Amino acid sequence: MPIKVSAYTVFCPHCHWKQTWKPSSDCLPQVAKPEHCPCCNHGGVQSRTPTLLELLFNSKRC
């Protein structure tokens, strides 16, 4: 039985890249949680709760 997962934003503090994800289930693809930034290849990618604007306009379903 799937578990409702809340949305999150993955961001790079080095180059300020960010991507918001709205998962539809608890089975997430590997691409949804990167370990390195796709722009600058920095290894310190972090996650946080997205803002309302990020949820409405910049989110991807997975």
Protein backbone atom coordinates (compact mmCIF):
# COMPACT_ATOMS: atom_id res chain seq x y z
CA MET A 1 0.00 0.00 0.00
CA PRO A 2 1.54 3.36 -1.03
CA ILE A 3 2.29 5.99 1.57
CA LYS A 4 1.49 9.66 0.95
CA VAL A 5 4.83 11.46 0.65
CA SER A 6 5.14 15.24 0.98
CA ALA A 7 6.81 17.41 -1.64
CA TYR A 8 10.43 18.52 -1.24
CA THR A 9 12.96 20.78 -2.93
CA VAL A 10 16.49 19.59 -3.66
CA PHE A 11 18.99 22.45 -3.94
CA CYS A 12 22.69 23.17 -4.26
CA PRO A 13 24.06 25.81 -1.85
CA HIS A 14 27.11 26.28 -4.10
CA CYS A 15 25.45 27.36 -7.39
CA HIS A 16 21.83 27.88 -6.18
CA TRP A 17 20.34 25.24 -8.52
CA LYS A 18 17.03 23.81 -7.25
CA GLN A 19 14.35 21.34 -8.29
CA THR A 20 11.02 20.66 -6.56
CA TRP A 21 9.49 17.17 -6.61
CA LYS A 22 5.91 16.12 -5.84
CA PRO A 23 6.10 12.33 -5.41
CA SER A 24 2.93 10.37 -6.11
CA SER A 25 4.06 7.40 -3.99
CA ASP A 26 6.83 6.29 -1.67
CA CYS A 27 8.66 4.50 -4.54
CA LEU A 28 10.94 7.28 -5.81
CA PRO A 29 13.18 7.00 -8.86
CA GLN A 30 16.92 7.49 -8.36
CA VAL A 31 16.82 10.74 -10.36
CA ALA A 32 14.50 12.34 -7.77
CA LYS A 33 17.22 12.42 -5.10
CA PRO A 34 20.55 13.29 -6.73
CA GLU A 35 23.78 13.07 -4.72
CA HIS A 36 25.60 15.65 -6.88
CA CYS A 37 24.37 18.89 -8.43
CA PRO A 38 23.65 18.44 -12.18
CA CYS A 39 24.92 21.99 -12.89
CA CYS A 40 28.19 22.29 -10.97
CA ASN A 41 28.74 18.66 -9.78
CA HIS A 42 29.00 19.84 -6.16
CA GLY A 43 28.50 16.97 -3.71
CA GLY A 44 26.66 18.84 -0.96
CA VAL A 45 23.10 18.73 -2.35
CA GLN A 46 20.50 19.39 0.37
CA SER A 47 16.71 19.14 0.62
CA ARG A 48 14.04 21.29 2.26
CA THR A 49 10.29 21.90 2.30
CA PRO A 50 9.24 23.82 -0.85
CA THR A 51 7.61 27.23 -0.82
CA LEU A 52 4.09 27.69 -2.19
CA LEU A 53 5.38 29.28 -5.42
CA GLU A 54 7.78 26.37 -6.00
CA LEU A 55 4.92 23.90 -5.53
CA LEU A 56 2.62 25.71 -7.95
CA PHE A 57 5.02 26.61 -10.76
CA ASN A 58 8.30 24.70 -10.59
CA SER A 59 7.47 21.19 -9.42
CA LYS A 60 7.87 17.88 -11.23
CA ARG A 61 5.77 14.80 -10.65
CA CYS A 62 7.54 11.53 -10.10
